[in-house]
């Protein structure tokens, strides 16, 4: 029983990390159809924002305040990644809507530039972010089963982020305008909606969520300029498996990949487990090419 509970928790933990990483991509790629290869670098920006927030607390505030730096680092990572995403959309992405191959190549070039910029500012070696003491240790569920506080915090952060995105997309006027533009751009423009403003805001929000994911990844280990490249493929797999344009599918896809990956790694090895997960996704997409949850649209014959 202890082994089963431990593996299930590991699977949920991996799923929550994948979901937080893929949530921003589900907005930029799933809802806007923009292939953003710089999404991983936006995650890296969020991680370095947390690193800078930690250093500011160490240098300018009393040591008794250090344990609360992470609370401020989460909105700081969101806002910095949001601002950079807004600049990126205004200067480049706005000219590439409807041109997937061009957007792929252009954002890949942006990713390389951001990586080199991070190496220039912070150096090539990885840097460590010290987690607050209130995240050290774990909760002993039963004898032999300890759930780390860091992973529980990440799961809680994912739930809060999902709830906030649900309220924004489905319960706010801005979210209704966003869904209207994504479903029928011409009709939305005829009704007086500023499609340019909606595009910029949507891309920036997806970038900001990537920043939150980078902040959460600092709890898992050291960070470096190439942090985002380790997760970009997994993020695309989650979005494609879940179904392009559906956040519910992204949630199911992240849970499926995280749980099956943990299961295969337990039976085999880490590298072979990833290969088996990839083969399962390829086989599934042959059966349902639109993913787990396909977007329903009305069309004229």
C-alpha atoms as a PDB file:
ATOM      1  CA  UNK A   1       0.000   0.000   0.000  1.00  0.00           C
ATOM      2  CA  UNK A   2       2.833   2.399   0.871  1.00  0.00           C
ATOM      3  CA  UNK A   3       4.459   1.756  -2.523  1.00  0.00           C
ATOM      4  CA  UNK A   4       1.195   2.331  -4.417  1.00  0.00           C
ATOM      5  CA  UNK A   5       0.465   5.597  -2.581  1.00  0.00           C
ATOM      6  CA  UNK A   6       4.025   6.782  -3.113  1.00  0.00           C
ATOM      7  CA  UNK A   7       3.919   6.102  -6.849  1.00  0.00           C
ATOM      8  CA  UNK A   8       0.510   7.759  -7.207  1.00  0.00           C
ATOM      9  CA  UNK A   9       1.777  10.860  -5.424  1.00  0.00           C
ATOM     10  CA  UNK A  10       4.893  10.946  -7.613  1.00  0.00           C
ATOM     11  CA  UNK A  11       2.669  10.694 -10.681  1.00  0.00           C
ATOM     12  CA  UNK A  12       0.445  13.520  -9.444  1.00  0.00           C
ATOM     13  CA  UNK A  13       3.508  15.627  -8.681  1.00  0.00           C
ATOM     14  CA  UNK A  14       4.955  15.134 -12.166  1.00  0.00           C
ATOM     15  CA  UNK A  15       1.517  15.830 -13.668  1.00  0.00           C
ATOM     16  CA  UNK A  16       1.161  19.090 -11.731  1.00  0.00           C
ATOM     17  CA  UNK A  17       4.564  20.323 -12.921  1.00  0.00           C
ATOM     18  CA  UNK A  18       3.749  19.393 -16.528  1.00  0.00           C
ATOM     19  CA  UNK A  19       0.358  21.064 -16.262  1.00  0.00           C
ATOM     20  CA  UNK A  20       1.805  24.308 -14.904  1.00  0.00           C
ATOM     21  CA  UNK A  21       4.409  24.350 -17.690  1.00  0.00           C
ATOM     22  CA  UNK A  22       1.882  23.496 -20.419  1.00  0.00           C
ATOM     23  CA  UNK A  23      -0.884  25.817 -19.202  1.00  0.00           C
ATOM     24  CA  UNK A  24       0.700  28.917 -20.700  1.00  0.00           C
ATOM     25  CA  UNK A  25       1.431  27.044 -23.916  1.00  0.00           C
ATOM     26  CA  UNK A  26      -2.184  25.881 -24.057  1.00  0.00           C
ATOM     27  CA  UNK A  27      -3.174  29.549 -24.325  1.00  0.00           C
ATOM     28  CA  UNK A  28      -0.570  30.707 -26.868  1.00  0.00           C
ATOM     29  CA  UNK A  29      -0.583  27.524 -28.974  1.00  0.00           C
ATOM     30  CA  UNK A  30      -3.930  25.954 -28.172  1.00  0.00           C
ATOM     31  CA  UNK A  31      -6.082  29.084 -28.307  1.00  0.00           C
ATOM     32  CA  UNK A  32      -4.023  31.387 -30.547  1.00  0.00           C
ATOM     33  CA  UNK A  33      -2.417  28.783 -32.867  1.00  0.00           C
ATOM     34  CA  UNK A  34       1.004  30.379 -32.396  1.00  0.00           C
ATOM     35  CA  UNK A  35       3.891  27.897 -32.252  1.00  0.00           C
ATOM     36  CA  UNK A  36       5.998  29.618 -29.609  1.00  0.00           C
ATOM     37  CA  UNK A  37       9.361  27.871 -29.339  1.00  0.00           C
ATOM     38  CA  UNK A  38      10.478  30.580 -26.874  1.00  0.00           C
ATOM     39  CA  UNK A  39       7.983  29.324 -24.279  1.00  0.00           C
ATOM     40  CA  UNK A  40      10.769  27.458 -22.485  1.00  0.00           C
ATOM     41  CA  UNK A  41      12.819  30.646 -22.243  1.00  0.00           C
ATOM     42  CA  UNK A  42       9.853  32.429 -20.652  1.00  0.00           C
ATOM     43  CA  UNK A  43       9.935  29.668 -18.040  1.00  0.00           C
ATOM     44  CA  UNK A  44      13.655  30.382 -17.602  1.00  0.00           C
ATOM     45  CA  UNK A  45      12.874  34.093 -17.141  1.00  0.00           C
ATOM     46  CA  UNK A  46      10.436  33.252 -14.355  1.00  0.00           C
ATOM     47  CA  UNK A  47      13.072  31.107 -12.653  1.00  0.00           C
ATOM     48  CA  UNK A  48      15.710  33.855 -12.806  1.00  0.00           C
ATOM     49  CA  UNK A  49      13.152  36.379 -11.553  1.00  0.00           C
ATOM     50  CA  UNK A  50      12.798  34.208  -8.451  1.00  0.00           C
ATOM     51  CA  UNK A  51      16.590  34.086  -8.136  1.00  0.00           C
ATOM     52  CA  UNK A  52      16.796  37.891  -8.300  1.00  0.00           C
ATOM     53  CA  UNK A  53      13.996  38.276  -5.746  1.00  0.00           C
ATOM     54  CA  UNK A  54      15.886  35.974  -3.386  1.00  0.00           C
ATOM     55  CA  UNK A  55      19.089  38.021  -3.777  1.00  0.00           C
ATOM     56  CA  UNK A  56      17.232  41.292  -3.172  1.00  0.00           C
ATOM     57  CA  UNK A  57      15.820  39.926   0.085  1.00  0.00           C
ATOM     58  CA  UNK A  58      19.282  38.740   1.151  1.00  0.00           C
ATOM     59  CA  UNK A  59      20.993  42.054   0.331  1.00  0.00           C
ATOM     60  CA  UNK A  60      18.453  44.646   1.474  1.00  0.00           C
ATOM     61  CA  UNK A  61      16.088  43.081   4.017  1.00  0.00           C
ATOM     62  CA  UNK A  62      16.610  41.534   7.465  1.00  0.00           C
ATOM     63  CA  UNK A  63      17.279  37.821   7.586  1.00  0.00           C
ATOM     64  CA  UNK A  64      14.002  37.315   9.434  1.00  0.00           C
ATOM     65  CA  UNK A  65      12.154  38.362   6.258  1.00  0.00           C
ATOM     66  CA  UNK A  66      13.924  35.878   3.993  1.00  0.00           C
ATOM     67  CA  UNK A  67      11.396  33.082   4.426  1.00  0.00           C
ATOM     68  CA  UNK A  68       8.722  35.216   2.754  1.00  0.00           C
ATOM     69  CA  UNK A  69      10.616  36.060  -0.417  1.00  0.00           C
ATOM     70  CA  UNK A  70       8.928  33.236  -2.333  1.00  0.00           C
ATOM     71  CA  UNK A  71       5.483  34.731  -1.724  1.00  0.00           C
ATOM     72  CA  UNK A  72       6.636  37.886  -3.540  1.00  0.00           C
ATOM     73  CA  UNK A  73       8.588  35.924  -6.162  1.00  0.00           C
ATOM     74  CA  UNK A  74       5.433  34.324  -7.621  1.00  0.00           C
ATOM     75  CA  UNK A  75       3.716  37.580  -8.719  1.00  0.00           C
ATOM     76  CA  UNK A  76       7.115  39.066  -9.661  1.00  0.00           C
ATOM     77  CA  UNK A  77       7.818  36.139 -12.004  1.00  0.00           C
ATOM     78  CA  UNK A  78       4.371  36.490 -13.542  1.00  0.00           C
ATOM     79  CA  UNK A  79       4.695  40.238 -14.114  1.00  0.00           C
ATOM     80  CA  UNK A  80       8.216  40.110 -15.593  1.00  0.00           C
ATOM     81  CA  UNK A  81       7.333  37.248 -17.970  1.00  0.00           C
ATOM     82  CA  UNK A  82       4.045  39.033 -18.772  1.00  0.00           C
ATOM     83  CA  UNK A  83       5.924  42.216 -19.730  1.00  0.00           C
ATOM     84  CA  UNK A  84       8.467  40.364 -21.878  1.00  0.00           C
ATOM     85  CA  UNK A  85       5.677  38.406 -23.581  1.00  0.00           C
ATOM     86  CA  UNK A  86       3.846  41.666 -24.295  1.00  0.00           C
ATOM     87  CA  UNK A  87       6.986  43.164 -25.850  1.00  0.00           C
ATOM     88  CA  UNK A  88       7.550  39.995 -27.878  1.00  0.00           C
ATOM     89  CA  UNK A  89       3.970  39.999 -29.177  1.00  0.00           C
ATOM     90  CA  UNK A  90       4.054  43.696 -30.071  1.00  0.00           C
ATOM     91  CA  UNK A  91       7.424  43.549 -31.827  1.00  0.00           C
ATOM     92  CA  UNK A  92       7.290  40.136 -33.557  1.00  0.00           C
ATOM     93  CA  UNK A  93       4.342  37.787 -32.985  1.00  0.00           C
ATOM     94  CA  UNK A  94       1.725  40.244 -34.270  1.00  0.00           C
ATOM     95  CA  UNK A  95       3.219  39.934 -37.758  1.00  0.00           C
ATOM     96  CA  UNK A  96       3.208  36.109 -37.755  1.00  0.00           C
ATOM     97  CA  UNK A  97      -0.438  35.176 -37.056  1.00  0.00           C
ATOM     98  CA  UNK A  98      -1.586  32.572 -39.561  1.00  0.00           C
ATOM     99  CA  UNK A  99       2.018  31.707 -40.507  1.00  0.00           C
ATOM    100  CA  UNK A 100       2.916  28.710 -38.307  1.00  0.00           C
ATOM    101  CA  UNK A 101       6.243  27.864 -39.943  1.00  0.00           C
ATOM    102  CA  UNK A 102       7.445  31.468 -39.772  1.00  0.00           C
ATOM    103  CA  UNK A 103       6.398  31.763 -36.134  1.00  0.00           C
ATOM    104  CA  UNK A 104       8.213  28.513 -35.300  1.00  0.00           C
ATOM    105  CA  UNK A 105      11.494  29.687 -36.838  1.00  0.00           C
ATOM    106  CA  UNK A 106      11.237  33.245 -35.499  1.00  0.00           C
ATOM    107  CA  UNK A 107      10.460  32.225 -31.913  1.00  0.00           C
ATOM    108  CA  UNK A 108      13.233  29.607 -32.039  1.00  0.00           C
ATOM    109  CA  UNK A 109      15.628  32.432 -32.887  1.00  0.00           C
ATOM    110  CA  UNK A 110      14.220  34.485 -30.003  1.00  0.00           C
ATOM    111  CA  UNK A 111      14.763  31.493 -27.705  1.00  0.00           C
ATOM    112  CA  UNK A 112      18.435  31.296 -28.654  1.00  0.00           C
ATOM    113  CA  UNK A 113      18.878  35.031 -28.083  1.00  0.00           C
ATOM    114  CA  UNK A 114      17.224  34.868 -24.656  1.00  0.00           C
ATOM    115  CA  UNK A 115      19.425  31.944 -23.658  1.00  0.00           C
ATOM    116  CA  UNK A 116      22.560  33.850 -24.658  1.00  0.00           C
ATOM    117  CA  UNK A 117      21.315  36.950 -22.835  1.00  0.00           C
ATOM    118  CA  UNK A 118      20.849  34.872 -19.670  1.00  0.00           C
ATOM    119  CA  UNK A 119      24.398  33.495 -20.018  1.00  0.00           C
ATOM    120  CA  UNK A 120      25.746  37.010 -20.403  1.00  0.00           C
ATOM    121  CA  UNK A 121      23.924  38.352 -17.336  1.00  0.00           C
ATOM    122  CA  UNK A 122      23.989  35.393 -14.931  1.00  0.00           C
ATOM    123  CA  UNK A 123      26.767  33.221 -16.363  1.00  0.00           C
ATOM    124  CA  UNK A 124      26.677  29.768 -17.930  1.00  0.00           C
ATOM    125  CA  UNK A 125      26.802  27.659 -14.709  1.00  0.00           C
ATOM    126  CA  UNK A 126      23.570  26.786 -12.968  1.00  0.00           C
ATOM    127  CA  UNK A 127      22.595  28.767  -9.887  1.00  0.00           C
ATOM    128  CA  UNK A 128      20.690  27.581  -6.865  1.00  0.00           C
ATOM    129  CA  UNK A 129      17.592  29.079  -5.281  1.00  0.00           C
ATOM    130  CA  UNK A 130      17.191  28.362  -1.593  1.00  0.00           C
ATOM    131  CA  UNK A 131      13.665  27.408  -0.706  1.00  0.00           C
ATOM    132  CA  UNK A 132      11.977  28.905   2.372  1.00  0.00           C
ATOM    133  CA  UNK A 133      12.292  26.900   5.547  1.00  0.00           C
ATOM    134  CA  UNK A 134       8.514  26.456   5.743  1.00  0.00           C
ATOM    135  CA  UNK A 135       8.763  24.292   2.610  1.00  0.00           C
ATOM    136  CA  UNK A 136      11.421  21.992   4.073  1.00  0.00           C
ATOM    137  CA  UNK A 137      10.474  18.527   5.235  1.00  0.00           C
ATOM    138  CA  UNK A 138       7.278  16.666   4.461  1.00  0.00           C
ATOM    139  CA  UNK A 139       3.949  15.412   5.721  1.00  0.00           C
ATOM    140  CA  UNK A 140       4.031  11.828   7.014  1.00  0.00           C
ATOM    141  CA  UNK A 141       0.830  10.323   5.654  1.00  0.00           C
ATOM    142  CA  UNK A 142       1.579   6.895   7.085  1.00  0.00           C
ATOM    143  CA  UNK A 143       4.570   4.817   8.076  1.00  0.00           C
ATOM    144  CA  UNK A 144       6.978   4.838   5.133  1.00  0.00           C
ATOM    145  CA  UNK A 145       5.062   7.481   3.120  1.00  0.00           C
ATOM    146  CA  UNK A 146       6.255  11.102   3.372  1.00  0.00           C
ATOM    147  CA  UNK A 147       4.812  13.738   1.042  1.00  0.00           C
ATOM    148  CA  UNK A 148       7.323  16.601   0.552  1.00  0.00           C
ATOM    149  CA  UNK A 149       5.970  20.064   1.307  1.00  0.00           C
ATOM    150  CA  UNK A 150       7.586  21.458  -1.844  1.00  0.00           C
ATOM    151  CA  UNK A 151       5.635  19.152  -4.135  1.00  0.00           C
ATOM    152  CA  UNK A 152       2.432  19.720  -2.161  1.00  0.00           C
ATOM    153  CA  UNK A 153       2.971  23.451  -2.568  1.00  0.00           C
ATOM    154  CA  UNK A 154       3.424  23.070  -6.336  1.00  0.00           C
ATOM    155  CA  UNK A 155       0.186  21.054  -6.549  1.00  0.00           C
ATOM    156  CA  UNK A 156      -1.619  23.773  -4.602  1.00  0.00           C
ATOM    157  CA  UNK A 157      -0.098  26.477  -6.834  1.00  0.00           C
ATOM    158  CA  UNK A 158      -1.365  24.638  -9.919  1.00  0.00           C
ATOM    159  CA  UNK A 159      -4.879  24.415  -8.479  1.00  0.00           C
ATOM    160  CA  UNK A 160      -4.922  28.149  -7.656  1.00  0.00           C
ATOM    161  CA  UNK A 161      -3.584  29.036 -11.136  1.00  0.00           C
ATOM    162  CA  UNK A 162      -6.179  26.836 -12.838  1.00  0.00           C
ATOM    163  CA  UNK A 163      -8.986  28.376 -10.805  1.00  0.00           C
ATOM    164  CA  UNK A 164      -7.771  31.889 -11.637  1.00  0.00           C
ATOM    165  CA  UNK A 165      -7.626  31.036 -15.356  1.00  0.00           C
ATOM    166  CA  UNK A 166     -11.118  29.534 -15.210  1.00  0.00           C
ATOM    167  CA  UNK A 167     -12.485  32.719 -13.649  1.00  0.00           C
ATOM    168  CA  UNK A 168     -10.692  34.858 -16.230  1.00  0.00           C
ATOM    169  CA  UNK A 169     -11.677  32.876 -19.331  1.00  0.00           C
ATOM    170  CA  UNK A 170     -15.234  31.880 -18.435  1.00  0.00           C
ATOM    171  CA  UNK A 171     -16.408  34.421 -15.842  1.00  0.00           C
ATOM    172  CA  UNK A 172     -14.965  37.778 -16.933  1.00  0.00           C
ATOM    173  CA  UNK A 173     -15.714  40.225 -19.731  1.00  0.00           C
ATOM    174  CA  UNK A 174     -12.077  40.062 -20.903  1.00  0.00           C
ATOM    175  CA  UNK A 175     -12.300  36.272 -21.081  1.00  0.00           C
ATOM    176  CA  UNK A 176     -15.498  36.446 -23.136  1.00  0.00           C
ATOM    177  CA  UNK A 177     -13.824  38.840 -25.563  1.00  0.00           C
ATOM    178  CA  UNK A 178     -10.852  36.499 -25.806  1.00  0.00           C
ATOM    179  CA  UNK A 179     -13.052  33.486 -26.590  1.00  0.00           C
ATOM    180  CA  UNK A 180     -15.023  35.515 -29.126  1.00  0.00           C
ATOM    181  CA  UNK A 181     -11.868  36.535 -30.985  1.00  0.00           C
ATOM    182  CA  UNK A 182     -10.499  32.987 -30.994  1.00  0.00           C
ATOM    183  CA  UNK A 183     -13.768  31.521 -32.300  1.00  0.00           C
ATOM    184  CA  UNK A 184     -14.652  34.145 -34.941  1.00  0.00           C
ATOM    185  CA  UNK A 185     -12.210  37.011 -35.339  1.00  0.00           C
ATOM    186  CA  UNK A 186     -14.126  38.856 -38.090  1.00  0.00           C
ATOM    187  CA  UNK A 187     -17.446  38.806 -36.251  1.00  0.00           C
ATOM    188  CA  UNK A 188     -15.790  39.926 -33.014  1.00  0.00           C
ATOM    189  CA  UNK A 189     -14.181  42.857 -34.822  1.00  0.00           C
ATOM    190  CA  UNK A 190     -17.537  43.812 -36.340  1.00  0.00           C
ATOM    191  CA  UNK A 191     -19.021  43.918 -32.825  1.00  0.00           C
ATOM    192  CA  UNK A 192     -16.414  46.452 -31.713  1.00  0.00           C
ATOM    193  CA  UNK A 193     -13.879  44.197 -29.976  1.00  0.00           C
ATOM    194  CA  UNK A 194     -10.260  45.318 -30.386  1.00  0.00           C
ATOM    195  CA  UNK A 195      -8.718  42.093 -31.693  1.00  0.00           C
ATOM    196  CA  UNK A 196      -5.196  43.542 -31.498  1.00  0.00           C
ATOM    197  CA  UNK A 197      -5.580  44.271 -27.794  1.00  0.00           C
ATOM    198  CA  UNK A 198      -7.056  40.821 -27.150  1.00  0.00           C
ATOM    199  CA  UNK A 199      -4.193  39.127 -29.029  1.00  0.00           C
ATOM    200  CA  UNK A 200      -1.541  41.024 -27.075  1.00  0.00           C
ATOM    201  CA  UNK A 201      -3.200  40.426 -23.705  1.00  0.00           C
ATOM    202  CA  UNK A 202      -3.759  36.713 -24.347  1.00  0.00           C
ATOM    203  CA  UNK A 203      -0.163  36.117 -25.414  1.00  0.00           C
ATOM    204  CA  UNK A 204       1.134  38.080 -22.425  1.00  0.00           C
ATOM    205  CA  UNK A 205      -1.011  36.072 -19.996  1.00  0.00           C
ATOM    206  CA  UNK A 206       0.308  32.808 -21.454  1.00  0.00           C
ATOM    207  CA  UNK A 207       3.834  34.167 -21.006  1.00  0.00           C
ATOM    208  CA  UNK A 208       3.086  35.185 -17.416  1.00  0.00           C
ATOM    209  CA  UNK A 209       1.883  31.680 -16.561  1.00  0.00           C
ATOM    210  CA  UNK A 210       5.152  30.342 -17.985  1.00  0.00           C
ATOM    211  CA  UNK A 211       6.914  32.668 -15.541  1.00  0.00           C
ATOM    212  CA  UNK A 212       4.957  31.141 -12.644  1.00  0.00           C
ATOM    213  CA  UNK A 213       6.036  27.685 -13.868  1.00  0.00           C
ATOM    214  CA  UNK A 214       9.668  28.824 -13.811  1.00  0.00           C
ATOM    215  CA  UNK A 215       9.203  30.090 -10.260  1.00  0.00           C
ATOM    216  CA  UNK A 216       7.855  26.677  -9.214  1.00  0.00           C
ATOM    217  CA  UNK A 217      10.739  24.844 -10.913  1.00  0.00           C
ATOM    218  CA  UNK A 218      13.243  26.603  -8.639  1.00  0.00           C
ATOM    219  CA  UNK A 219      11.914  24.374  -5.848  1.00  0.00           C
ATOM    220  CA  UNK A 220      12.980  21.271  -7.795  1.00  0.00           C
ATOM    221  CA  UNK A 221      16.685  22.037  -8.230  1.00  0.00           C
ATOM    222  CA  UNK A 222      19.282  24.421  -9.740  1.00  0.00           C
ATOM    223  CA  UNK A 223      18.354  26.622 -12.678  1.00  0.00           C
ATOM    224  CA  UNK A 224      20.321  27.662 -15.755  1.00  0.00           C
ATOM    225  CA  UNK A 225      19.989  29.320 -19.164  1.00  0.00           C
ATOM    226  CA  UNK A 226      18.914  26.026 -20.779  1.00  0.00           C
ATOM    227  CA  UNK A 227      16.208  25.280 -18.190  1.00  0.00           C
ATOM    228  CA  UNK A 228      13.309  25.696 -20.605  1.00  0.00           C
ATOM    229  CA  UNK A 229      14.694  23.368 -23.275  1.00  0.00           C
ATOM    230  CA  UNK A 230      14.241  20.402 -20.921  1.00  0.00           C
ATOM    231  CA  UNK A 231      10.477  20.946 -20.749  1.00  0.00           C
ATOM    232  CA  UNK A 232       9.361  22.445 -24.068  1.00  0.00           C
ATOM    233  CA  UNK A 233       8.844  19.067 -25.797  1.00  0.00           C
ATOM    234  CA  UNK A 234       6.847  17.696 -22.864  1.00  0.00           C
ATOM    235  CA  UNK A 235       4.715  20.846 -22.823  1.00  0.00           C
ATOM    236  CA  UNK A 236       3.850  20.498 -26.506  1.00  0.00           C
ATOM    237  CA  UNK A 237       3.018  16.810 -25.973  1.00  0.00           C
ATOM    238  CA  UNK A 238       0.593  17.701 -23.176  1.00  0.00           C
ATOM    239  CA  UNK A 239      -1.204  20.322 -25.292  1.00  0.00           C
ATOM    240  CA  UNK A 240      -1.409  18.149 -28.422  1.00  0.00           C
ATOM    241  CA  UNK A 241      -2.534  15.070 -26.481  1.00  0.00           C
ATOM    242  CA  UNK A 242      -5.191  17.019 -24.582  1.00  0.00           C
ATOM    243  CA  UNK A 243      -6.584  18.647 -27.712  1.00  0.00           C
ATOM    244  CA  UNK A 244      -5.694  22.020 -29.172  1.00  0.00           C
ATOM    245  CA  UNK A 245      -7.940  24.791 -27.846  1.00  0.00           C
ATOM    246  CA  UNK A 246      -9.283  23.001 -24.748  1.00  0.00           C
ATOM    247  CA  UNK A 247      -7.894  23.659 -21.263  1.00  0.00           C
ATOM    248  CA  UNK A 248      -9.802  20.643 -19.902  1.00  0.00           C
ATOM    249  CA  UNK A 249      -7.924  18.466 -22.362  1.00  0.00           C
ATOM    250  CA  UNK A 250      -4.643  19.987 -21.192  1.00  0.00           C
ATOM    251  CA  UNK A 251      -5.445  18.971 -17.619  1.00  0.00           C
ATOM    252  CA  UNK A 252      -6.324  15.412 -18.643  1.00  0.00           C
ATOM    253  CA  UNK A 253      -3.266  15.180 -20.903  1.00  0.00           C
ATOM    254  CA  UNK A 254      -0.915  16.303 -18.119  1.00  0.00           C
ATOM    255  CA  UNK A 255      -2.424  13.790 -15.687  1.00  0.00           C
ATOM    256  CA  UNK A 256      -2.173  10.990 -18.245  1.00  0.00           C
ATOM    257  CA  UNK A 257       1.442  11.692 -19.190  1.00  0.00           C
ATOM    258  CA  UNK A 258       2.559  12.212 -15.589  1.00  0.00           C
ATOM    259  CA  UNK A 259       0.966   9.032 -14.241  1.00  0.00           C
ATOM    260  CA  UNK A 260       2.009   6.788 -17.139  1.00  0.00           C
ATOM    261  CA  UNK A 261       5.535   8.203 -17.111  1.00  0.00           C
ATOM    262  CA  UNK A 262       5.905   7.423 -13.401  1.00  0.00           C
ATOM    263  CA  UNK A 263       4.474   3.941 -13.933  1.00  0.00           C
ATOM    264  CA  UNK A 264       6.791   3.122 -16.848  1.00  0.00           C
ATOM    265  CA  UNK A 265       9.834   4.501 -15.003  1.00  0.00           C
ATOM    266  CA  UNK A 266       8.995   2.278 -12.020  1.00  0.00           C
ATOM    267  CA  UNK A 267       8.809  -0.816 -14.238  1.00  0.00           C
ATOM    268  CA  UNK A 268      11.783   0.034 -16.486  1.00  0.00           C
ATOM    269  CA  UNK A 269      14.236   2.969 -16.428  1.00  0.00           C
ATOM    270  CA  UNK A 270      13.827   6.750 -16.698  1.00  0.00           C
ATOM    271  CA  UNK A 271      14.957   6.997 -20.330  1.00  0.00           C
ATOM    272  CA  UNK A 272      13.046   3.905 -21.480  1.00  0.00           C
ATOM    273  CA  UNK A 273       9.950   5.133 -19.653  1.00  0.00           C
ATOM    274  CA  UNK A 274       9.969   8.398 -21.630  1.00  0.00           C
ATOM    275  CA  UNK A 275      10.329   6.440 -24.874  1.00  0.00           C
ATOM    276  CA  UNK A 276       7.337   4.250 -23.994  1.00  0.00           C
ATOM    277  CA  UNK A 277       5.236   7.319 -23.104  1.00  0.00           C
ATOM    278  CA  UNK A 278       6.121   8.922 -26.440  1.00  0.00           C
ATOM    279  CA  UNK A 279       5.190   5.757 -28.336  1.00  0.00           C
ATOM    280  CA  UNK A 280       1.848   5.593 -26.514  1.00  0.00           C
ATOM    281  CA  UNK A 281       1.107   9.222 -27.439  1.00  0.00           C
ATOM    282  CA  UNK A 282       1.966   8.602 -31.107  1.00  0.00           C
ATOM    283  CA  UNK A 283      -0.261   5.520 -31.176  1.00  0.00           C
ATOM    284  CA  UNK A 284      -3.122   7.389 -29.483  1.00  0.00           C
ATOM    285  CA  UNK A 285      -2.922  10.301 -31.922  1.00  0.00           C
ATOM    286  CA  UNK A 286      -3.193   7.846 -34.798  1.00  0.00           C
ATOM    287  CA  UNK A 287      -6.569   6.845 -33.339  1.00  0.00           C
ATOM    288  CA  UNK A 288      -7.710  10.350 -32.257  1.00  0.00           C
ATOM    289  CA  UNK A 289      -5.653  12.933 -34.174  1.00  0.00           C
ATOM    290  CA  UNK A 290      -7.520  15.876 -32.564  1.00  0.00           C
ATOM    291  CA  UNK A 291      -6.556  14.789 -29.052  1.00  0.00           C
ATOM    292  CA  UNK A 292      -8.547  13.762 -26.027  1.00  0.00           C
ATOM    293  CA  UNK A 293     -10.975  16.702 -26.095  1.00  0.00           C
ATOM    294  CA  UNK A 294     -11.607  18.084 -29.573  1.00  0.00           C
ATOM    295  CA  UNK A 295     -12.983  21.579 -30.062  1.00  0.00           C
ATOM    296  CA  UNK A 296     -16.443  21.559 -31.599  1.00  0.00           C
ATOM    297  CA  UNK A 297     -17.149  24.208 -34.198  1.00  0.00           C
ATOM    298  CA  UNK A 298     -19.969  24.972 -36.602  1.00  0.00           C
ATOM    299  CA  UNK A 299     -19.091  25.090 -40.274  1.00  0.00           C
ATOM    300  CA  UNK A 300     -20.978  25.444 -43.559  1.00  0.00           C
ATOM    301  CA  UNK A 301     -20.684  22.720 -46.163  1.00  0.00           C
END
